[in-house]
Amino acid sequence: MDASDLRGLRAPLKERYRQNPATALVTLSSRGRIDMARVAVELDRAPGPAFAGLHPATGGDGTMLCSGDMLLEALAACAGVTLAAVATAMGIGLRAGEVAAEGEVDFRGTLGVDKEARVGFGPLRVAFILDSDASDAQLAKLLTLTERYCVVGRTLSQPAGLSMTFRRLG
């Protein structure tokens, strides 16, 4: 895909969103069923279900996805797709590229071993390795725009807030 193809795909969407901003607000969702026997969740996702369970550092056996790994996968995927789209729009050619997301978790917090230990990730890091003839200035601009437009990255760096509720079955 080149910049013209990408603009062609996005032009009608941008126009619709300008004319009717409410159409740009889309609710994304994820659902799953809690499996108490395995201390896991079966997530509904394409092409088939995925099972998330305990990380080995919290007692898991490593056979199921860890939600922390899934968060990093979402960050790497979003950052990589965003970088590819921005590079395409800017006309920056990439022969190859890799993206990695990482961060540390102090599992003492999650297991209640130390009440002062953080529950959750510390600072997250995303790194790109790119094969391109673009100048350092172009790549710096590419990185700046990727940071600006990466939905998952922006959500993590500028939290929107979170609420949890429950309702009873039946």
C-alpha atoms as a PDB file:
ATOM      1  CA  MET A   1       0.000   0.000   0.000  1.00  0.00           C
ATOM      2  CA  ASP A   2       1.277   3.479  -0.790  1.00  0.00           C
ATOM      3  CA  ALA A   3       0.316   6.907   0.556  1.00  0.00           C
ATOM      4  CA  SER A   4      -2.253   7.430  -2.202  1.00  0.00           C
ATOM      5  CA  ASP A   5      -3.953   4.093  -1.476  1.00  0.00           C
ATOM      6  CA  LEU A   6      -4.069   4.873   2.235  1.00  0.00           C
ATOM      7  CA  ARG A   7      -5.477   8.371   1.639  1.00  0.00           C
ATOM      8  CA  GLY A   8      -8.099   6.834  -0.661  1.00  0.00           C
ATOM      9  CA  LEU A   9      -9.187   4.402   2.050  1.00  0.00           C
ATOM     10  CA  ARG A  10      -9.314   7.061   4.733  1.00  0.00           C
ATOM     11  CA  ALA A  11     -10.732  10.048   2.855  1.00  0.00           C
ATOM     12  CA  PRO A  12     -14.396   8.971   3.019  1.00  0.00           C
ATOM     13  CA  LEU A  13     -14.014   8.043   6.689  1.00  0.00           C
ATOM     14  CA  LYS A  14     -12.444  11.392   7.550  1.00  0.00           C
ATOM     15  CA  GLU A  15     -15.172  13.242   5.685  1.00  0.00           C
ATOM     16  CA  ARG A  16     -17.914  11.270   7.440  1.00  0.00           C
ATOM     17  CA  TYR A  17     -16.318  11.960  10.823  1.00  0.00           C
ATOM     18  CA  ARG A  18     -16.057  15.685  10.035  1.00  0.00           C
ATOM     19  CA  GLN A  19     -19.694  15.827   8.929  1.00  0.00           C
ATOM     20  CA  ASN A  20     -21.012  13.663  11.750  1.00  0.00           C
ATOM     21  CA  PRO A  21     -18.530  13.405  14.657  1.00  0.00           C
ATOM     22  CA  ALA A  22     -20.742  10.908  16.507  1.00  0.00           C
ATOM     23  CA  THR A  23     -19.997   8.278  13.828  1.00  0.00           C
ATOM     24  CA  ALA A  24     -16.311   8.329  14.850  1.00  0.00           C
ATOM     25  CA  LEU A  25     -17.112   7.112  18.350  1.00  0.00           C
ATOM     26  CA  VAL A  26     -16.928   3.315  18.212  1.00  0.00           C
ATOM     27  CA  THR A  27     -17.230   1.032  21.235  1.00  0.00           C
ATOM     28  CA  LEU A  28     -14.697  -1.783  21.127  1.00  0.00           C
ATOM     29  CA  SER A  29     -15.232  -4.666  23.496  1.00  0.00           C
ATOM     30  CA  SER A  30     -13.868  -7.960  24.695  1.00  0.00           C
ATOM     31  CA  ARG A  31     -15.803 -10.728  26.419  1.00  0.00           C
ATOM     32  CA  GLY A  32     -14.949 -13.917  28.169  1.00  0.00           C
ATOM     33  CA  ARG A  33     -16.186 -16.565  30.543  1.00  0.00           C
ATOM     34  CA  ILE A  34     -14.583 -17.057  33.937  1.00  0.00           C
ATOM     35  CA  ASP A  35     -13.313 -20.586  34.542  1.00  0.00           C
ATOM     36  CA  MET A  36     -13.024 -21.024  38.309  1.00  0.00           C
ATOM     37  CA  ALA A  37     -11.614 -24.553  38.071  1.00  0.00           C
ATOM     38  CA  ARG A  38      -8.541 -23.337  36.179  1.00  0.00           C
ATOM     39  CA  VAL A  39      -8.480 -19.760  37.505  1.00  0.00           C
ATOM     40  CA  ALA A  40      -8.730 -18.589  33.921  1.00  0.00           C
ATOM     41  CA  VAL A  41     -10.860 -16.724  31.414  1.00  0.00           C
ATOM     42  CA  GLU A  42     -11.918 -18.035  28.012  1.00  0.00           C
ATOM     43  CA  LEU A  43     -11.879 -15.016  25.722  1.00  0.00           C
ATOM     44  CA  ASP A  44     -14.076 -14.775  22.666  1.00  0.00           C
ATOM     45  CA  ARG A  45     -11.821 -13.780  19.802  1.00  0.00           C
ATOM     46  CA  ALA A  46     -11.171 -14.587  16.171  1.00  0.00           C
ATOM     47  CA  PRO A  47     -10.236 -17.026  14.823  1.00  0.00           C
ATOM     48  CA  GLY A  48     -11.137 -18.928  17.989  1.00  0.00           C
ATOM     49  CA  PRO A  49     -11.172 -18.667  21.748  1.00  0.00           C
ATOM     50  CA  ALA A  50      -8.071 -17.820  23.747  1.00  0.00           C
ATOM     51  CA  PHE A  51      -7.439 -18.807  27.335  1.00  0.00           C
ATOM     52  CA  ALA A  52      -5.857 -16.383  29.779  1.00  0.00           C
ATOM     53  CA  GLY A  53      -4.646 -17.589  33.136  1.00  0.00           C
ATOM     54  CA  LEU A  54      -2.119 -17.073  35.865  1.00  0.00           C
ATOM     55  CA  HIS A  55       1.424 -16.042  34.989  1.00  0.00           C
ATOM     56  CA  PRO A  56       4.015 -18.536  36.258  1.00  0.00           C
ATOM     57  CA  ALA A  57       5.226 -15.859  38.715  1.00  0.00           C
ATOM     58  CA  THR A  58       1.778 -16.040  40.358  1.00  0.00           C
ATOM     59  CA  GLY A  59       1.297 -19.797  40.286  1.00  0.00           C
ATOM     60  CA  GLY A  60       0.401 -20.511  36.661  1.00  0.00           C
ATOM     61  CA  ASP A  61       1.925 -23.318  34.661  1.00  0.00           C
ATOM     62  CA  GLY A  62       2.627 -21.224  31.554  1.00  0.00           C
ATOM     63  CA  THR A  63       0.124 -23.036  29.321  1.00  0.00           C
ATOM     64  CA  MET A  64      -2.271 -20.096  29.052  1.00  0.00           C
ATOM     65  CA  LEU A  65      -1.841 -16.525  27.932  1.00  0.00           C
ATOM     66  CA  CYS A  66      -0.936 -14.011  30.629  1.00  0.00           C
ATOM     67  CA  SER A  67      -2.962 -10.816  30.564  1.00  0.00           C
ATOM     68  CA  GLY A  68       0.233  -8.799  31.075  1.00  0.00           C
ATOM     69  CA  ASP A  69       1.760 -10.385  27.980  1.00  0.00           C
ATOM     70  CA  MET A  70      -1.480  -9.686  26.122  1.00  0.00           C
ATOM     71  CA  LEU A  71      -1.280  -6.018  27.146  1.00  0.00           C
ATOM     72  CA  LEU A  72       2.264  -5.830  25.775  1.00  0.00           C
ATOM     73  CA  GLU A  73       1.138  -7.613  22.597  1.00  0.00           C
ATOM     74  CA  ALA A  74      -1.639  -5.055  22.170  1.00  0.00           C
ATOM     75  CA  LEU A  75       0.859  -2.229  22.672  1.00  0.00           C
ATOM     76  CA  ALA A  76       3.368  -3.715  20.211  1.00  0.00           C
ATOM     77  CA  ALA A  77       0.637  -4.407  17.656  1.00  0.00           C
ATOM     78  CA  CYS A  78      -0.891  -0.940  17.922  1.00  0.00           C
ATOM     79  CA  ALA A  79       2.472   0.820  17.829  1.00  0.00           C
ATOM     80  CA  GLY A  80       3.628  -1.273  14.869  1.00  0.00           C
ATOM     81  CA  VAL A  81       0.437  -0.775  12.847  1.00  0.00           C
ATOM     82  CA  THR A  82       0.428   2.933  13.668  1.00  0.00           C
ATOM     83  CA  LEU A  83       4.070   3.303  12.645  1.00  0.00           C
ATOM     84  CA  ALA A  84       3.387   1.463   9.373  1.00  0.00           C
ATOM     85  CA  ALA A  85       0.365   3.675   8.613  1.00  0.00           C
ATOM     86  CA  VAL A  86       2.227   6.884   9.469  1.00  0.00           C
ATOM     87  CA  ALA A  87       5.272   5.804   7.439  1.00  0.00           C
ATOM     88  CA  THR A  88       2.984   5.052   4.513  1.00  0.00           C
ATOM     89  CA  ALA A  89       1.244   8.425   4.808  1.00  0.00           C
ATOM     90  CA  MET A  90       4.621  10.208   5.039  1.00  0.00           C
ATOM     91  CA  GLY A  91       6.032   8.280   2.069  1.00  0.00           C
ATOM     92  CA  ILE A  92       8.784   6.752   4.214  1.00  0.00           C
ATOM     93  CA  GLY A  93       9.865   3.432   2.794  1.00  0.00           C
ATOM     94  CA  LEU A  94      10.564   0.623   5.229  1.00  0.00           C
ATOM     95  CA  ARG A  95      12.214  -2.488   3.863  1.00  0.00           C
ATOM     96  CA  ALA A  96      11.746  -4.245   7.208  1.00  0.00           C
ATOM     97  CA  GLY A  97      10.846  -3.443  10.753  1.00  0.00           C
ATOM     98  CA  GLU A  98      10.473  -4.955  14.175  1.00  0.00           C
ATOM     99  CA  VAL A  99       8.690  -3.713  17.261  1.00  0.00           C
ATOM    100  CA  ALA A 100       9.119  -4.816  20.865  1.00  0.00           C
ATOM    101  CA  ALA A 101       7.184  -3.772  23.968  1.00  0.00           C
ATOM    102  CA  GLU A 102       8.378  -4.529  27.468  1.00  0.00           C
ATOM    103  CA  GLY A 103       8.010  -3.550  31.090  1.00  0.00           C
ATOM    104  CA  GLU A 104       8.600  -4.961  34.545  1.00  0.00           C
ATOM    105  CA  VAL A 105       6.017  -6.206  37.009  1.00  0.00           C
ATOM    106  CA  ASP A 106       6.834  -6.653  40.702  1.00  0.00           C
ATOM    107  CA  PHE A 107       4.668  -9.652  41.512  1.00  0.00           C
ATOM    108  CA  ARG A 108       4.955  -8.959  45.235  1.00  0.00           C
ATOM    109  CA  GLY A 109       2.259  -6.319  44.694  1.00  0.00           C
ATOM    110  CA  THR A 110      -0.183  -8.583  42.895  1.00  0.00           C
ATOM    111  CA  LEU A 111       0.287 -11.391  45.419  1.00  0.00           C
ATOM    112  CA  GLY A 112      -0.092  -9.059  48.409  1.00  0.00           C
ATOM    113  CA  VAL A 113       3.395  -9.906  49.703  1.00  0.00           C
ATOM    114  CA  ASP A 114       4.369  -6.239  50.034  1.00  0.00           C
ATOM    115  CA  LYS A 115       1.633  -3.608  50.361  1.00  0.00           C
ATOM    116  CA  GLU A 116       4.100  -0.953  49.116  1.00  0.00           C
ATOM    117  CA  ALA A 117       4.954  -2.833  45.922  1.00  0.00           C
ATOM    118  CA  ARG A 118       3.218  -1.510  42.822  1.00  0.00           C
ATOM    119  CA  VAL A 119       0.401  -3.601  41.381  1.00  0.00           C
ATOM    120  CA  GLY A 120       0.876  -3.425  37.652  1.00  0.00           C
ATOM    121  CA  PHE A 121       3.620  -2.548  35.235  1.00  0.00           C
ATOM    122  CA  GLY A 122       6.263   0.024  35.893  1.00  0.00           C
ATOM    123  CA  PRO A 123       7.231   2.211  32.929  1.00  0.00           C
ATOM    124  CA  LEU A 124       6.627   0.555  29.575  1.00  0.00           C
ATOM    125  CA  ARG A 125       9.051   0.711  26.689  1.00  0.00           C
ATOM    126  CA  VAL A 126       8.459   0.313  22.959  1.00  0.00           C
ATOM    127  CA  ALA A 127      11.427  -0.057  20.631  1.00  0.00           C
ATOM    128  CA  PHE A 128      11.494  -0.186  16.842  1.00  0.00           C
ATOM    129  CA  ILE A 129      14.259  -1.582  14.662  1.00  0.00           C
ATOM    130  CA  LEU A 130      13.803  -0.228  11.157  1.00  0.00           C
ATOM    131  CA  ASP A 131      15.528  -0.825   7.828  1.00  0.00           C
ATOM    132  CA  SER A 132      14.979   2.392   5.899  1.00  0.00           C
ATOM    133  CA  ASP A 133      16.801   4.987   3.837  1.00  0.00           C
ATOM    134  CA  ALA A 134      14.853   7.737   5.617  1.00  0.00           C
ATOM    135  CA  SER A 135      16.856  10.455   7.326  1.00  0.00           C
ATOM    136  CA  ASP A 136      17.200  10.619  11.103  1.00  0.00           C
ATOM    137  CA  ALA A 137      14.921  13.676  11.053  1.00  0.00           C
ATOM    138  CA  GLN A 138      12.235  11.783   9.124  1.00  0.00           C
ATOM    139  CA  LEU A 139      12.471   8.828  11.499  1.00  0.00           C
ATOM    140  CA  ALA A 140      12.262  11.154  14.509  1.00  0.00           C
ATOM    141  CA  LYS A 141       9.079  12.692  13.054  1.00  0.00           C
ATOM    142  CA  LEU A 142       7.753   9.179  12.352  1.00  0.00           C
ATOM    143  CA  LEU A 143       8.317   8.229  15.986  1.00  0.00           C
ATOM    144  CA  THR A 144       6.677  11.433  17.256  1.00  0.00           C
ATOM    145  CA  LEU A 145       3.583  10.848  15.123  1.00  0.00           C
ATOM    146  CA  THR A 146       3.462   7.158  16.074  1.00  0.00           C
ATOM    147  CA  GLU A 147       3.447   8.154  19.756  1.00  0.00           C
ATOM    148  CA  ARG A 148       0.696  10.696  19.056  1.00  0.00           C
ATOM    149  CA  TYR A 149      -1.643   8.372  17.150  1.00  0.00           C
ATOM    150  CA  CYS A 150      -1.094   4.959  18.803  1.00  0.00           C
ATOM    151  CA  VAL A 151      -4.394   4.345  20.627  1.00  0.00           C
ATOM    152  CA  VAL A 152      -3.053   1.749  23.067  1.00  0.00           C
ATOM    153  CA  GLY A 153       0.083   3.755  23.793  1.00  0.00           C
ATOM    154  CA  ARG A 154      -1.876   6.944  24.441  1.00  0.00           C
ATOM    155  CA  THR A 155      -4.354   5.088  26.658  1.00  0.00           C
ATOM    156  CA  LEU A 156      -1.515   3.704  28.761  1.00  0.00           C
ATOM    157  CA  SER A 157       0.413   6.984  28.956  1.00  0.00           C
ATOM    158  CA  GLN A 158      -2.662   9.146  29.595  1.00  0.00           C
ATOM    159  CA  PRO A 159      -5.163   6.853  31.320  1.00  0.00           C
ATOM    160  CA  ALA A 160      -8.799   7.473  30.519  1.00  0.00           C
ATOM    161  CA  GLY A 161      -9.949   5.963  33.797  1.00  0.00           C
ATOM    162  CA  LEU A 162     -11.411   2.598  34.605  1.00  0.00           C
ATOM    163  CA  SER A 163     -14.548   1.427  36.320  1.00  0.00           C
ATOM    164  CA  MET A 164     -15.472  -2.090  37.337  1.00  0.00           C
ATOM    165  CA  THR A 165     -19.009  -3.166  38.129  1.00  0.00           C
ATOM    166  CA  PHE A 166     -20.853  -6.410  38.660  1.00  0.00           C
ATOM    167  CA  ARG A 167     -24.386  -7.705  38.341  1.00  0.00           C
ATOM    168  CA  ARG A 168     -25.803 -11.011  39.409  1.00  0.00           C
ATOM    169  CA  LEU A 169     -26.780 -13.748  37.019  1.00  0.00           C
ATOM    170  CA  GLY A 170     -30.398 -14.796  37.089  1.00  0.00           C
END
